[in-house]
């Protein structure tokens, strides 16, 4: 039983190590809403902040 547990522990460490070395792929969600803050446009015009879709 002790040998089985050590084998499982080593296998889990190998799987975890390979997952850590492979990296993580982060993909931005489609149609994400992003906040556009207010800003001054030309001619002293203030454009309000608003939500827009990417």
PDB file of N, CA and C in Angstrom:
ATOM      1  N   UNK A   1       0.829  -1.196   0.000  1.00  0.00           N
ATOM      2  CA  UNK A   1       0.000   0.000   0.000  1.00  0.00           C
ATOM      3  C   UNK A   1       0.874   1.261   0.000  1.00  0.00           C
ATOM      4  N   UNK A   2       1.972   1.193   0.737  1.00  0.00           N
ATOM      5  CA  UNK A   2       2.861   2.343   0.806  1.00  0.00           C
ATOM      6  C   UNK A   2       3.503   2.606  -0.560  1.00  0.00           C
ATOM      7  N   UNK A   3       3.855   1.562  -1.249  1.00  0.00           N
ATOM      8  CA  UNK A   3       4.455   1.702  -2.577  1.00  0.00           C
ATOM      9  C   UNK A   3       3.448   2.288  -3.567  1.00  0.00           C
ATOM     10  N   UNK A   4       2.186   1.877  -3.450  1.00  0.00           N
ATOM     11  CA  UNK A   4       1.136   2.391  -4.326  1.00  0.00           C
ATOM     12  C   UNK A   4       0.942   3.892  -4.101  1.00  0.00           C
ATOM     13  N   UNK A   5       0.917   4.322  -2.836  1.00  0.00           N
ATOM     14  CA  UNK A   5       0.727   5.745  -2.543  1.00  0.00           C
ATOM     15  C   UNK A   5       1.905   6.578  -3.043  1.00  0.00           C
ATOM     16  N   UNK A   6       3.121   6.056  -2.900  1.00  0.00           N
ATOM     17  CA  UNK A   6       4.272   6.821  -3.392  1.00  0.00           C
ATOM     18  C   UNK A   6       4.256   6.892  -4.921  1.00  0.00           C
ATOM     19  N   UNK A   7       3.806   5.840  -5.574  1.00  0.00           N
ATOM     20  CA  UNK A   7       3.698   5.862  -7.040  1.00  0.00           C
ATOM     21  C   UNK A   7       2.655   6.879  -7.479  1.00  0.00           C
ATOM     22  N   UNK A   8       1.525   6.918  -6.785  1.00  0.00           N
ATOM     23  CA  UNK A   8       0.483   7.902  -7.119  1.00  0.00           C
ATOM     24  C   UNK A   8       0.974   9.326  -6.864  1.00  0.00           C
ATOM     25  N   UNK A   9       1.746   9.518  -5.797  1.00  0.00           N
ATOM     26  CA  UNK A   9       2.274  10.843  -5.489  1.00  0.00           C
ATOM     27  C   UNK A   9       3.268  11.301  -6.552  1.00  0.00           C
ATOM     28  N   UNK A  10       4.123  10.407  -6.989  1.00  0.00           N
ATOM     29  CA  UNK A  10       5.089  10.746  -8.040  1.00  0.00           C
ATOM     30  C   UNK A  10       4.367  11.039  -9.360  1.00  0.00           C
ATOM     31  N   UNK A  11       3.351  10.241  -9.678  1.00  0.00           N
ATOM     32  CA  UNK A  11       2.587  10.475 -10.911  1.00  0.00           C
ATOM     33  C   UNK A  11       1.877  11.829 -10.864  1.00  0.00           C
ATOM     34  N   UNK A  12       1.302  12.174  -9.703  1.00  0.00           N
ATOM     35  CA  UNK A  12       0.627  13.468  -9.564  1.00  0.00           C
ATOM     36  C   UNK A  12       1.632  14.615  -9.692  1.00  0.00           C
ATOM     37  N   UNK A  13       2.832  14.431  -9.146  1.00  0.00           N
ATOM     38  CA  UNK A  13       3.859  15.468  -9.258  1.00  0.00           C
ATOM     39  C   UNK A  13       4.300  15.645 -10.703  1.00  0.00           C
ATOM     40  N   UNK A  14       4.427  14.552 -11.438  1.00  0.00           N
ATOM     41  CA  UNK A  14       4.813  14.655 -12.846  1.00  0.00           C
ATOM     42  C   UNK A  14       3.738  15.347 -13.672  1.00  0.00           C
ATOM     43  N   UNK A  15       2.491  15.006 -13.421  1.00  0.00           N
ATOM     44  CA  UNK A  15       1.394  15.644 -14.160  1.00  0.00           C
ATOM     45  C   UNK A  15       1.330  17.128 -13.813  1.00  0.00           C
ATOM     46  N   UNK A  16       1.465  17.451 -12.538  1.00  0.00           N
ATOM     47  CA  UNK A  16       1.451  18.857 -12.122  1.00  0.00           C
ATOM     48  C   UNK A  16       2.620  19.638 -12.688  1.00  0.00           C
ATOM     49  N   UNK A  17       3.797  19.022 -12.710  1.00  0.00           N
ATOM     50  CA  UNK A  17       4.965  19.694 -13.264  1.00  0.00           C
ATOM     51  C   UNK A  17       4.838  19.946 -14.748  1.00  0.00           C
ATOM     52  N   UNK A  18       4.326  18.970 -15.474  1.00  0.00           N
ATOM     53  CA  UNK A  18       4.157  19.166 -16.919  1.00  0.00           C
ATOM     54  C   UNK A  18       3.084  20.208 -17.206  1.00  0.00           C
ATOM     55  N   UNK A  19       2.041  20.268 -16.385  1.00  0.00           N
ATOM     56  CA  UNK A  19       1.008  21.290 -16.575  1.00  0.00           C
ATOM     57  C   UNK A  19       1.569  22.676 -16.285  1.00  0.00           C
ATOM     58  N   UNK A  20       2.444  22.770 -15.270  1.00  0.00           N
ATOM     59  CA  UNK A  20       3.036  24.063 -14.935  1.00  0.00           C
ATOM     60  C   UNK A  20       3.992  24.535 -16.027  1.00  0.00           C
ATOM     61  N   UNK A  21       4.712  23.608 -16.645  1.00  0.00           N
ATOM     62  CA  UNK A  21       5.660  23.986 -17.687  1.00  0.00           C
ATOM     63  C   UNK A  21       4.990  24.287 -19.020  1.00  0.00           C
ATOM     64  N   UNK A  22       3.796  23.751 -19.220  1.00  0.00           N
ATOM     65  CA  UNK A  22       3.127  23.955 -20.503  1.00  0.00           C
ATOM     66  C   UNK A  22       2.579  25.365 -20.638  1.00  0.00           C
ATOM     67  N   UNK A  23       2.347  26.033 -19.551  1.00  0.00           N
ATOM     68  CA  UNK A  23       1.826  27.401 -19.591  1.00  0.00           C
ATOM     69  C   UNK A  23       0.318  27.413 -19.613  1.00  0.00           C
ATOM     70  N   UNK A  24      -0.225  28.587 -19.544  1.00  0.00           N
ATOM     71  CA  UNK A  24      -1.674  28.749 -19.500  1.00  0.00           C
ATOM     72  C   UNK A  24      -2.083  29.672 -20.638  1.00  0.00           C
ATOM     73  N   UNK A  25      -3.043  29.261 -21.406  1.00  0.00           N
ATOM     74  CA  UNK A  25      -3.525  30.069 -22.514  1.00  0.00           C
ATOM     75  C   UNK A  25      -4.781  30.796 -22.048  1.00  0.00           C
ATOM     76  N   UNK A  26      -4.721  32.105 -22.072  1.00  0.00           N
ATOM     77  CA  UNK A  26      -5.861  32.917 -21.651  1.00  0.00           C
ATOM     78  C   UNK A  26      -6.440  33.571 -22.891  1.00  0.00           C
ATOM     79  N   UNK A  27      -7.691  33.307 -23.156  1.00  0.00           N
ATOM     80  CA  UNK A  27      -8.365  33.859 -24.325  1.00  0.00           C
ATOM     81  C   UNK A  27      -9.419  34.840 -23.844  1.00  0.00           C
ATOM     82  N   UNK A  28      -9.404  36.025 -24.389  1.00  0.00           N
ATOM     83  CA  UNK A  28     -10.397  37.024 -24.012  1.00  0.00           C
ATOM     84  C   UNK A  28     -11.771  36.594 -24.514  1.00  0.00           C
ATOM     85  N   UNK A  29     -12.792  36.796 -23.708  1.00  0.00           N
ATOM     86  CA  UNK A  29     -14.131  36.415 -24.160  1.00  0.00           C
ATOM     87  C   UNK A  29     -14.586  37.296 -25.316  1.00  0.00           C
ATOM     88  N   UNK A  30     -15.325  36.701 -26.219  1.00  0.00           N
ATOM     89  CA  UNK A  30     -15.845  37.477 -27.344  1.00  0.00           C
ATOM     90  C   UNK A  30     -16.999  38.342 -26.881  1.00  0.00           C
ATOM     91  N   UNK A  31     -17.150  39.442 -27.544  1.00  0.00           N
ATOM     92  CA  UNK A  31     -18.225  40.392 -27.245  1.00  0.00           C
ATOM     93  C   UNK A  31     -18.145  40.872 -25.804  1.00  0.00           C
ATOM     94  N   UNK A  32     -16.927  41.100 -25.328  1.00  0.00           N
ATOM     95  CA  UNK A  32     -16.746  41.589 -23.968  1.00  0.00           C
ATOM     96  C   UNK A  32     -17.049  43.081 -23.932  1.00  0.00           C
ATOM     97  N   UNK A  33     -17.727  43.493 -22.870  1.00  0.00           N
ATOM     98  CA  UNK A  33     -18.008  44.910 -22.704  1.00  0.00           C
ATOM     99  C   UNK A  33     -16.841  45.554 -21.979  1.00  0.00           C
ATOM    100  N   UNK A  34     -16.376  46.664 -22.496  1.00  0.00           N
ATOM    101  CA  UNK A  34     -15.298  47.409 -21.855  1.00  0.00           C
ATOM    102  C   UNK A  34     -15.770  48.834 -21.624  1.00  0.00           C
ATOM    103  N   UNK A  35     -15.305  49.440 -20.521  1.00  0.00           N
ATOM    104  CA  UNK A  35     -15.695  50.804 -20.174  1.00  0.00           C
ATOM    105  C   UNK A  35     -14.727  51.775 -20.825  1.00  0.00           C
ATOM    106  N   UNK A  36     -15.267  52.698 -21.600  1.00  0.00           N
ATOM    107  CA  UNK A  36     -14.475  53.765 -22.203  1.00  0.00           C
ATOM    108  C   UNK A  36     -14.693  55.005 -21.340  1.00  0.00           C
ATOM    109  N   UNK A  37     -13.653  55.502 -20.681  1.00  0.00           N
ATOM    110  CA  UNK A  37     -13.842  56.672 -19.817  1.00  0.00           C
ATOM    111  C   UNK A  37     -14.112  57.936 -20.631  1.00  0.00           C
ATOM    112  N   UNK A  38     -14.653  58.932 -19.969  1.00  0.00           N
ATOM    113  CA  UNK A  38     -14.919  60.199 -20.639  1.00  0.00           C
ATOM    114  C   UNK A  38     -13.628  60.886 -21.039  1.00  0.00           C
ATOM    115  N   UNK A  39     -13.705  61.705 -22.078  1.00  0.00           N
ATOM    116  CA  UNK A  39     -12.508  62.401 -22.557  1.00  0.00           C
ATOM    117  C   UNK A  39     -12.922  63.689 -23.262  1.00  0.00           C
ATOM    118  N   UNK A  40     -11.950  64.569 -23.421  1.00  0.00           N
ATOM    119  CA  UNK A  40     -12.177  65.816 -24.145  1.00  0.00           C
ATOM    120  C   UNK A  40     -11.911  65.588 -25.620  1.00  0.00           C
ATOM    121  N   UNK A  41     -12.913  65.856 -26.442  1.00  0.00           N
ATOM    122  CA  UNK A  41     -12.736  65.806 -27.893  1.00  0.00           C
ATOM    123  C   UNK A  41     -12.326  67.203 -28.361  1.00  0.00           C
ATOM    124  N   UNK A  42     -12.103  67.351 -29.642  1.00  0.00           N
ATOM    125  CA  UNK A  42     -11.702  68.658 -30.162  1.00  0.00           C
ATOM    126  C   UNK A  42     -12.788  69.706 -29.971  1.00  0.00           C
ATOM    127  N   UNK A  43     -12.388  70.935 -29.816  1.00  0.00           N
ATOM    128  CA  UNK A  43     -13.354  72.041 -29.711  1.00  0.00           C
ATOM    129  C   UNK A  43     -14.046  72.108 -28.375  1.00  0.00           C
ATOM    130  N   UNK A  44     -13.395  71.758 -27.308  1.00  0.00           N
ATOM    131  CA  UNK A  44     -13.940  71.826 -25.942  1.00  0.00           C
ATOM    132  C   UNK A  44     -15.245  71.044 -25.804  1.00  0.00           C
ATOM    133  N   UNK A  45     -15.281  69.857 -26.364  1.00  0.00           N
ATOM    134  CA  UNK A  45     -16.458  68.991 -26.276  1.00  0.00           C
ATOM    135  C   UNK A  45     -16.119  67.819 -25.365  1.00  0.00           C
ATOM    136  N   UNK A  46     -16.937  67.631 -24.332  1.00  0.00           N
ATOM    137  CA  UNK A  46     -16.737  66.520 -23.401  1.00  0.00           C
ATOM    138  C   UNK A  46     -17.549  65.323 -23.863  1.00  0.00           C
ATOM    139  N   UNK A  47     -16.894  64.189 -24.067  1.00  0.00           N
ATOM    140  CA  UNK A  47     -17.573  62.961 -24.458  1.00  0.00           C
ATOM    141  C   UNK A  47     -17.720  62.113 -23.200  1.00  0.00           C
ATOM    142  N   UNK A  48     -18.961  61.773 -22.855  1.00  0.00           N
ATOM    143  CA  UNK A  48     -19.235  61.000 -21.645  1.00  0.00           C
ATOM    144  C   UNK A  48     -18.632  59.609 -21.728  1.00  0.00           C
ATOM    145  N   UNK A  49     -18.352  59.025 -20.568  1.00  0.00           N
ATOM    146  CA  UNK A  49     -17.919  57.642 -20.538  1.00  0.00           C
ATOM    147  C   UNK A  49     -19.057  56.717 -20.948  1.00  0.00           C
ATOM    148  N   UNK A  50     -18.731  55.604 -21.565  1.00  0.00           N
ATOM    149  CA  UNK A  50     -19.766  54.688 -22.041  1.00  0.00           C
ATOM    150  C   UNK A  50     -19.216  53.278 -22.160  1.00  0.00           C
ATOM    151  N   UNK A  51     -20.116  52.319 -22.237  1.00  0.00           N
ATOM    152  CA  UNK A  51     -19.737  50.921 -22.478  1.00  0.00           C
ATOM    153  C   UNK A  51     -19.699  50.684 -23.964  1.00  0.00           C
ATOM    154  N   UNK A  52     -18.719  49.926 -24.411  1.00  0.00           N
ATOM    155  CA  UNK A  52     -18.683  49.516 -25.813  1.00  0.00           C
ATOM    156  C   UNK A  52     -18.275  48.039 -25.869  1.00  0.00           C
ATOM    157  N   UNK A  53     -18.622  47.417 -26.978  1.00  0.00           N
ATOM    158  CA  UNK A  53     -18.289  46.028 -27.177  1.00  0.00           C
ATOM    159  C   UNK A  53     -17.003  45.921 -27.979  1.00  0.00           C
ATOM    160  N   UNK A  54     -16.167  44.969 -27.596  1.00  0.00           N
ATOM    161  CA  UNK A  54     -14.914  44.751 -28.310  1.00  0.00           C
ATOM    162  C   UNK A  54     -15.138  43.879 -29.507  1.00  0.00           C
TER     163      UNK A  54
END
